[in-house]
Amino acid sequence: MSLLSTAAPSRGWSFWWKPALFVLVACIGLYYVKWSPYYAKAFLAADNHSIGASILNDAPTAPLAAALTYAKVYFLAIWKAAVLAVILGSLLQVLIPRDWLLRLFGRAGFASTVRGGLFALPGMMCSCCAAPVAASMRRSNVSVGAALAFWIGNPVLNPATLVFMGFVLGWGFTALRLVAGIVLVFGVSWVAQRMSGPQALPEAAVEAVSEASTVDVQPFLVRWGRTLWQLFWSTIPIYILAVLVLGAVRVWVFPHIDGAMANSLMWLLPLAIIGTLFVIPTAAEIPIVQTMMTLGMGTAPAVALLMTLPSISLPSLLMLRKDFDGRVLVSVALMTMGIGVVSGLIGAAVL
C-alpha cells in the first residue's frame, strides 16, 4: 500500500499547540495594535467628525527634509503594526500546518480568493503591514488570488476605516468605498489569478503535505528565527528606502494638489496614479481627503484618492516583488488606478 493511501498520523497536543499559539499571538497583537485603539478612535470620529490632521499638512520645500519628516511621522504611526506583521508572517510559515493553508487558500478558484479577502477583515492593516503576511502566504504555496485578496482586503475593506469614513466624510462615501472596494479586492485578485494560470492541487498532494508536516526536522525556535530573518530582510529594507523616496517626492507632487482642482475631471487620472503609488498609514486617506475637500477639491478626485491611497503602494509592491510575478503586480497597480478613476466618476454623479 502506498504512503498516500494510508491514514494520516494522529495529531495530539504536540501538533495542536502550534496553531493555538499562532491564534493567541494574533489575537493579543491585533487587540493591542488595532482593535483597542480603533474602538476608541471610532468615538472620536463620531464626536468630532475628524480623526486628526492630515499627514500631508506640512508644506516641504527641500526633498531631504521632506523625506526625513514624512518617514518619521509615518513610521511612528505604523511601527507597531509593522513589527506585528513580520512576526505573524513568520509564525504563519512555521506554526500553521501547510495542508490547512492549501485546503483553504491553495486552489486557483474564486472561492479561495473570497476566503483570502475574508481572512483579511480582522487584520485592518495598511498595505505595507499586510505585505509580509501576504508574502508568507505565497511562500506557503497559497494561490495568487487568495494572497492578493488578503493583501488588498486589509486596507480596503477595513471595518474600522469604513466606520471612521462614515462619521467624518458621510455614509455615502462609505457605501461607495465599500461597493467599489469589494470589486477591487475580489475582482482584481481574481483577474490576477487568471493571469497567473491554473494551479492544480490534487487531494493526494495535500495529503502528502499533511503527512510530511507532522514531523519537524528542526527545533521550533531555529525554524522561526530563520524564517523571521528571511522575511524581514526581503521586505523591510526596501520598504524603508521606498518610504524615504516617496517622502522626498512630496515636494514636487503634493504642492500642486489644492483647491484649484474644484470638480475638474482632468485630475482623476493623475490622482489615481499618485494615490496608487503613494504610501500612508491606515485610515490616513480620510483626513487627507477631508482637508483637501475643505480647500475646494471636488468629489470625483476625492473619491479617486479614497480608493487608491489605501489600496496598494509602491513600497508594498516592492516588498512583494519576490513572491509574485512582476506582470501580476503591474497589472494589479493598473487595475487599481482604473477602479480609482471609475469610482471617481461614479462619486461625482451620485454623491
Protein backbone atom coordinates (compact mmCIF):
# COMPACT_ATOMS: atom_id res chain seq x y z
CA MET A 1 0.00 0.00 0.00
CA SER A 2 1.38 3.41 -0.93
CA LEU A 3 2.13 6.11 1.58
CA LEU A 4 -0.54 8.44 0.16
CA SER A 5 -3.27 5.87 0.68
CA THR A 6 -2.58 5.34 4.38
CA ALA A 7 -4.41 7.25 7.05
CA ALA A 8 -2.79 10.43 8.24
CA PRO A 9 -0.99 10.15 11.58
CA SER A 10 -2.98 11.20 14.63
CA ARG A 11 -2.37 14.74 15.77
CA GLY A 12 -2.04 15.22 19.50
CA TRP A 13 -1.05 18.16 21.71
CA SER A 14 2.42 18.24 20.14
CA PHE A 15 0.66 19.29 16.92
CA TRP A 16 -2.21 21.47 18.14
CA TRP A 17 -0.14 23.82 20.32
CA LYS A 18 1.30 25.41 17.19
CA PRO A 19 -1.88 26.74 15.56
CA ALA A 20 -3.17 27.59 19.05
CA LEU A 21 -0.06 29.69 19.68
CA PHE A 22 -0.48 31.48 16.35
CA VAL A 23 -4.10 32.38 17.15
CA LEU A 24 -3.09 33.58 20.62
CA VAL A 25 -0.30 35.81 19.30
CA ALA A 26 -2.54 37.16 16.53
CA CYS A 27 -5.40 38.00 18.90
CA ILE A 28 -3.21 39.65 21.53
CA GLY A 29 -1.20 41.55 18.94
CA LEU A 30 -4.19 42.75 16.94
CA TYR A 31 -6.07 43.76 20.09
CA TYR A 32 -3.13 45.87 21.27
CA VAL A 33 -2.18 47.35 17.88
CA LYS A 34 -5.52 47.59 16.08
CA TRP A 35 -8.75 46.58 17.78
CA SER A 36 -8.50 48.55 21.03
CA PRO A 37 -7.11 51.80 19.51
CA TYR A 38 -9.64 51.75 16.67
CA TYR A 39 -12.53 51.19 19.08
CA ALA A 40 -11.54 54.37 20.92
CA LYS A 41 -10.96 56.27 17.66
CA ALA A 42 -14.49 55.45 16.49
CA PHE A 43 -15.93 57.52 19.34
CA LEU A 44 -13.52 60.34 18.48
CA ALA A 45 -14.72 60.27 14.87
CA ALA A 46 -18.36 60.27 15.96
CA ASP A 47 -17.91 63.19 18.37
CA ASN A 48 -15.56 65.41 16.36
CA HIS A 49 -16.24 64.30 12.76
CA SER A 50 -12.47 64.07 12.45
CA ILE A 51 -9.75 61.54 13.28
CA GLY A 52 -6.88 64.02 13.27
CA ALA A 53 -4.83 66.20 10.98
CA SER A 54 -3.72 65.21 7.50
CA ILE A 55 -0.32 63.57 7.38
CA LEU A 56 0.40 65.85 4.41
CA ASN A 57 -0.37 69.11 6.19
CA ASP A 58 3.22 70.33 6.15
CA ALA A 59 4.49 72.13 3.05
CA PRO A 60 8.03 70.85 2.45
CA THR A 61 10.38 72.60 0.05
CA ALA A 62 13.59 70.57 0.42
CA PRO A 63 13.49 66.91 -0.71
CA LEU A 64 15.81 65.60 2.03
CA ALA A 65 13.89 67.33 4.80
CA ALA A 66 10.61 66.18 3.28
CA ALA A 67 11.84 62.59 3.16
CA LEU A 68 13.03 62.53 6.77
CA THR A 69 9.99 64.39 8.11
CA TYR A 70 7.49 62.13 6.39
CA ALA A 71 9.39 58.95 7.27
CA LYS A 72 9.44 59.96 10.94
CA VAL A 73 5.70 60.68 11.08
CA TYR A 74 4.83 57.63 9.03
CA PHE A 75 6.93 55.08 10.92
CA LEU A 76 5.84 56.42 14.30
CA ALA A 77 2.28 55.74 13.16
CA ILE A 78 2.81 52.20 11.83
CA TRP A 79 5.85 50.65 13.54
CA LYS A 80 3.84 48.52 15.96
CA ALA A 81 1.73 47.11 13.14
CA ALA A 82 4.84 46.51 11.01
CA VAL A 83 6.54 44.56 13.81
CA LEU A 84 3.39 42.52 14.38
CA ALA A 85 3.07 41.82 10.65
CA VAL A 86 6.59 40.40 10.38
CA ILE A 87 6.04 38.29 13.49
CA LEU A 88 2.72 36.94 12.24
CA GLY A 89 4.07 36.37 8.75
CA SER A 90 6.99 34.33 10.05
CA LEU A 91 4.82 32.40 12.52
CA LEU A 92 2.36 31.60 9.74
CA GLN A 93 5.08 29.65 7.96
CA VAL A 94 6.19 27.63 10.98
CA LEU A 95 3.05 27.22 13.11
CA ILE A 96 0.12 26.80 10.70
CA PRO A 97 0.03 23.35 9.05
CA ARG A 98 0.78 23.66 5.37
CA ASP A 99 -2.10 21.39 4.38
CA TRP A 100 -4.55 23.68 6.20
CA LEU A 101 -3.39 26.62 4.12
CA LEU A 102 -3.58 24.59 0.92
CA ARG A 103 -7.09 23.40 1.64
CA LEU A 104 -8.34 26.90 2.46
CA PHE A 105 -6.37 29.06 0.03
CA GLY A 106 -4.38 26.80 -2.27
CA ARG A 107 -6.69 26.23 -5.19
CA ALA A 108 -6.84 28.76 -8.01
CA GLY A 109 -10.58 29.31 -7.84
CA PHE A 110 -12.78 32.23 -6.87
CA ALA A 111 -13.70 30.52 -3.57
CA SER A 112 -10.07 30.65 -2.40
CA THR A 113 -9.92 34.33 -3.40
CA VAL A 114 -13.05 35.09 -1.37
CA ARG A 115 -11.66 33.26 1.65
CA GLY A 116 -8.43 35.24 1.36
CA GLY A 117 -10.35 38.52 1.39
CA LEU A 118 -12.48 37.48 4.36
CA PHE A 119 -9.36 36.35 6.21
CA ALA A 120 -8.11 39.95 5.92
CA LEU A 121 -11.02 41.57 7.76
CA PRO A 122 -9.73 41.15 11.34
CA GLY A 123 -6.26 42.44 10.39
CA MET A 124 -7.17 46.04 9.50
CA MET A 125 -3.58 46.71 8.37
CA CYS A 126 -2.24 49.11 5.77
CA SER A 127 -0.94 47.65 2.52
CA CYS A 128 2.69 47.66 3.68
CA CYS A 129 1.95 45.97 7.00
CA ALA A 130 -0.19 43.35 5.27
CA ALA A 131 2.58 42.65 2.73
CA PRO A 132 4.80 40.44 4.97
CA VAL A 133 1.84 38.19 5.77
CA ALA A 134 0.85 38.04 2.10
CA ALA A 135 4.46 37.16 1.23
CA SER A 136 4.40 34.36 3.79
CA MET A 137 1.15 33.05 2.35
CA ARG A 138 2.74 32.82 -1.08
CA ARG A 139 5.81 31.11 0.39
CA SER A 140 3.42 28.52 1.78
CA ASN A 141 2.05 27.98 -1.76
CA VAL A 142 -1.22 29.83 -1.20
CA SER A 143 -2.85 30.79 -4.50
CA VAL A 144 -2.12 34.16 -6.07
CA GLY A 145 -5.76 35.22 -5.84
CA ALA A 146 -6.12 34.41 -2.14
CA ALA A 147 -2.86 36.13 -1.19
CA LEU A 148 -3.73 39.23 -3.21
CA ALA A 149 -7.23 39.40 -1.75
CA PHE A 150 -5.76 39.22 1.74
CA TRP A 151 -3.19 41.91 0.93
CA ILE A 152 -5.61 44.38 -0.68
CA GLY A 153 -8.53 43.49 1.57
CA ASN A 154 -6.72 44.53 4.74
CA PRO A 155 -6.71 48.27 3.95
CA VAL A 156 -9.65 48.49 1.53
CA LEU A 157 -12.25 46.51 3.49
CA ASN A 158 -11.01 47.61 6.91
CA PRO A 159 -14.21 47.80 9.02
CA ALA A 160 -12.78 50.48 11.31
CA THR A 161 -11.82 52.71 8.38
CA LEU A 162 -15.32 52.41 6.93
CA VAL A 163 -16.81 53.49 10.27
CA PHE A 164 -14.40 56.44 10.54
CA MET A 165 -15.23 57.45 6.97
CA GLY A 166 -18.94 57.45 7.67
CA PHE A 167 -18.62 59.75 10.67
CA VAL A 168 -16.08 62.08 9.03
CA LEU A 169 -17.00 62.24 5.33
CA GLY A 170 -20.53 60.87 5.29
CA TRP A 171 -22.10 57.47 4.82
CA GLY A 172 -22.48 57.99 1.08
CA PHE A 173 -18.70 57.93 0.76
CA THR A 174 -18.60 54.83 2.94
CA ALA A 175 -21.16 52.98 0.82
CA LEU A 176 -19.30 53.81 -2.40
CA ARG A 177 -15.97 52.81 -0.87
CA LEU A 178 -17.45 49.50 0.32
CA VAL A 179 -19.01 48.56 -3.03
CA ALA A 180 -16.00 49.68 -5.08
CA GLY A 181 -13.72 48.04 -2.51
CA ILE A 182 -15.41 44.67 -2.93
CA VAL A 183 -14.92 44.96 -6.69
CA LEU A 184 -11.30 45.98 -6.18
CA VAL A 185 -10.39 43.27 -3.67
CA PHE A 186 -12.12 40.30 -5.26
CA GLY A 187 -12.26 41.39 -8.89
CA VAL A 188 -8.63 42.45 -9.23
CA SER A 189 -7.42 39.41 -7.27
CA TRP A 190 -9.46 37.04 -9.42
CA VAL A 191 -8.21 38.60 -12.67
CA ALA A 192 -4.63 38.40 -11.38
CA GLN A 193 -5.22 34.74 -10.52
CA ARG A 194 -6.42 34.07 -14.05
CA MET A 195 -3.30 35.76 -15.40
CA SER A 196 -1.13 33.51 -13.26
CA GLY A 197 -2.60 30.38 -14.79
CA PRO A 198 -4.14 27.31 -13.14
CA GLN A 199 -2.67 25.83 -10.00
CA ALA A 200 -3.61 22.18 -9.71
CA LEU A 201 -3.61 20.81 -6.17
CA PRO A 202 -4.76 17.18 -6.24
CA GLU A 203 -6.04 15.84 -2.94
CA ALA A 204 -3.14 13.39 -2.86
CA ALA A 205 -0.68 16.28 -2.90
CA VAL A 206 -2.45 17.95 0.01
CA GLU A 207 -2.41 14.70 1.98
CA ALA A 208 1.31 14.28 1.26
CA VAL A 209 1.97 17.75 2.67
CA SER A 210 -0.17 16.85 5.68
CA GLU A 211 1.89 13.76 6.44
CA ALA A 212 5.21 15.48 5.86
CA SER A 213 4.27 18.38 8.15
CA THR A 214 3.69 16.13 11.14
CA VAL A 215 7.44 15.73 11.69
CA ASP A 216 9.66 18.72 12.47
CA VAL A 217 13.26 18.19 11.47
CA GLN A 218 14.50 21.26 13.36
CA PRO A 219 13.57 22.87 16.70
CA PHE A 220 10.78 25.44 16.54
CA LEU A 221 12.92 28.41 17.61
CA VAL A 222 15.56 27.61 14.99
CA ARG A 223 12.99 27.42 12.19
CA TRP A 224 11.19 30.52 13.40
CA GLY A 225 14.39 32.53 13.73
CA ARG A 226 15.48 31.64 10.21
CA THR A 227 12.04 32.38 8.75
CA LEU A 228 11.77 35.65 10.66
CA TRP A 229 15.13 36.86 9.37
CA GLN A 230 14.39 35.87 5.77
CA LEU A 231 11.04 37.64 5.83
CA PHE A 232 12.47 40.75 7.48
CA TRP A 233 15.42 41.03 5.11
CA SER A 234 13.33 40.53 1.96
CA THR A 235 10.69 43.14 2.88
CA ILE A 236 11.74 45.77 5.42
CA PRO A 237 14.91 47.40 3.99
CA ILE A 238 13.28 48.11 0.60
CA TYR A 239 10.20 49.30 2.48
CA ILE A 240 12.17 51.91 4.44
CA LEU A 241 14.01 53.10 1.34
CA ALA A 242 10.80 53.45 -0.71
CA VAL A 243 9.09 55.45 2.06
CA LEU A 244 12.03 57.87 2.13
CA VAL A 245 11.90 58.29 -1.65
CA LEU A 246 8.17 58.94 -1.66
CA GLY A 247 8.55 61.36 1.23
CA ALA A 248 11.01 63.35 -0.88
CA VAL A 249 8.75 63.22 -3.95
CA ARG A 250 6.07 65.12 -2.00
CA VAL A 251 8.00 68.31 -2.74
CA TRP A 252 7.03 68.08 -6.42
CA VAL A 253 3.70 66.23 -6.19
CA PHE A 254 1.55 67.43 -3.34
CA PRO A 255 2.07 71.23 -3.52
CA HIS A 256 0.10 71.05 -6.78
CA ILE A 257 -2.87 69.40 -5.09
CA ASP A 258 -5.05 72.23 -3.81
CA GLY A 259 -8.41 73.90 -4.13
CA ALA A 260 -7.80 74.84 -7.76
CA MET A 261 -8.89 71.31 -8.66
CA ALA A 262 -12.56 72.00 -7.88
CA ASN A 263 -14.54 69.36 -9.79
CA SER A 264 -12.21 69.14 -12.74
CA LEU A 265 -12.19 65.59 -14.08
CA MET A 266 -8.74 66.17 -15.54
CA TRP A 267 -7.33 65.45 -12.09
CA LEU A 268 -8.85 61.99 -11.89
CA LEU A 269 -6.08 60.07 -13.65
CA PRO A 270 -3.14 61.95 -12.05
CA LEU A 271 -4.62 61.49 -8.58
CA ALA A 272 -5.40 57.83 -9.25
CA ILE A 273 -1.74 57.31 -10.18
CA ILE A 274 -0.46 59.29 -7.20
CA GLY A 275 -2.84 57.52 -4.83
CA THR A 276 -1.85 54.09 -6.09
CA LEU A 277 1.88 54.67 -5.65
CA PHE A 278 1.99 56.81 -2.50
CA VAL A 279 2.17 55.26 0.96
CA ILE A 280 0.08 56.21 4.00
CA PRO A 281 -0.79 54.71 7.41
CA THR A 282 -4.12 53.01 7.99
CA ALA A 283 -7.11 55.37 7.54
CA ALA A 284 -4.86 58.36 6.76
CA GLU A 285 -6.73 58.85 3.48
CA ILE A 286 -9.69 60.19 5.47
CA PRO A 287 -8.04 63.32 6.96
CA ILE A 288 -6.11 63.84 3.70
CA VAL A 289 -9.32 63.95 1.66
CA GLN A 290 -11.19 65.90 4.35
CA THR A 291 -8.52 68.61 4.30
CA MET A 292 -8.36 68.78 0.51
CA MET A 293 -12.15 68.98 0.16
CA THR A 294 -12.12 71.84 2.67
CA LEU A 295 -9.74 73.61 0.28
CA GLY A 296 -12.18 73.07 -2.57
CA MET A 297 -11.28 69.73 -4.12
CA GLY A 298 -14.26 68.17 -5.86
CA THR A 299 -15.97 64.85 -5.21
CA ALA A 300 -14.53 63.00 -8.20
CA PRO A 301 -10.83 63.45 -7.33
CA ALA A 302 -11.66 62.95 -3.63
CA VAL A 303 -13.20 59.54 -4.30
CA ALA A 304 -10.27 58.60 -6.54
CA LEU A 305 -7.91 59.26 -3.64
CA LEU A 306 -10.15 57.45 -1.15
CA MET A 307 -9.98 54.33 -3.31
CA THR A 308 -6.35 54.33 -4.37
CA LEU A 309 -4.40 55.79 -1.43
CA PRO A 310 -5.02 52.88 0.95
CA SER A 311 -5.26 50.05 -1.58
CA ILE A 312 -1.64 49.44 -2.53
CA SER A 313 1.55 51.49 -2.70
CA LEU A 314 4.95 51.45 -4.34
CA PRO A 315 6.67 50.26 -1.13
CA SER A 316 4.21 47.37 -0.71
CA LEU A 317 4.61 46.39 -4.37
CA LEU A 318 8.37 46.31 -3.91
CA MET A 319 8.02 44.28 -0.71
CA LEU A 320 6.20 41.58 -2.69
CA ARG A 321 8.48 41.63 -5.73
CA LYS A 322 9.99 38.20 -4.90
CA ASP A 323 6.69 36.48 -4.15
CA PHE A 324 4.52 37.50 -7.11
CA ASP A 325 5.24 37.64 -10.82
CA GLY A 326 6.11 41.15 -11.99
CA ARG A 327 3.31 41.11 -14.57
CA VAL A 328 0.81 40.39 -11.81
CA LEU A 329 1.96 43.28 -9.63
CA VAL A 330 1.99 45.73 -12.55
CA SER A 331 -1.49 44.60 -13.59
CA VAL A 332 -2.78 44.99 -10.03
CA ALA A 333 -1.41 48.55 -9.93
CA LEU A 334 -3.00 49.45 -13.28
CA MET A 335 -6.35 47.93 -12.34
CA THR A 336 -6.30 49.80 -9.03
CA MET A 337 -5.75 53.07 -10.88
CA GLY A 338 -8.60 52.23 -13.24
CA ILE A 339 -11.02 51.46 -10.41
CA GLY A 340 -10.00 54.74 -8.78
CA VAL A 341 -10.91 56.67 -11.94
CA VAL A 342 -14.23 54.85 -12.42
CA SER A 343 -15.11 55.29 -8.75
CA GLY A 344 -14.37 59.00 -9.01
CA LEU A 345 -16.73 59.35 -11.98
CA ILE A 346 -19.46 57.46 -10.13
CA GLY A 347 -18.88 59.53 -7.00
CA ALA A 348 -19.22 62.77 -8.96
CA ALA A 349 -22.57 61.55 -10.29
CA VAL A 350 -24.16 60.17 -7.11
CA LEU A 351 -22.60 61.95 -4.12
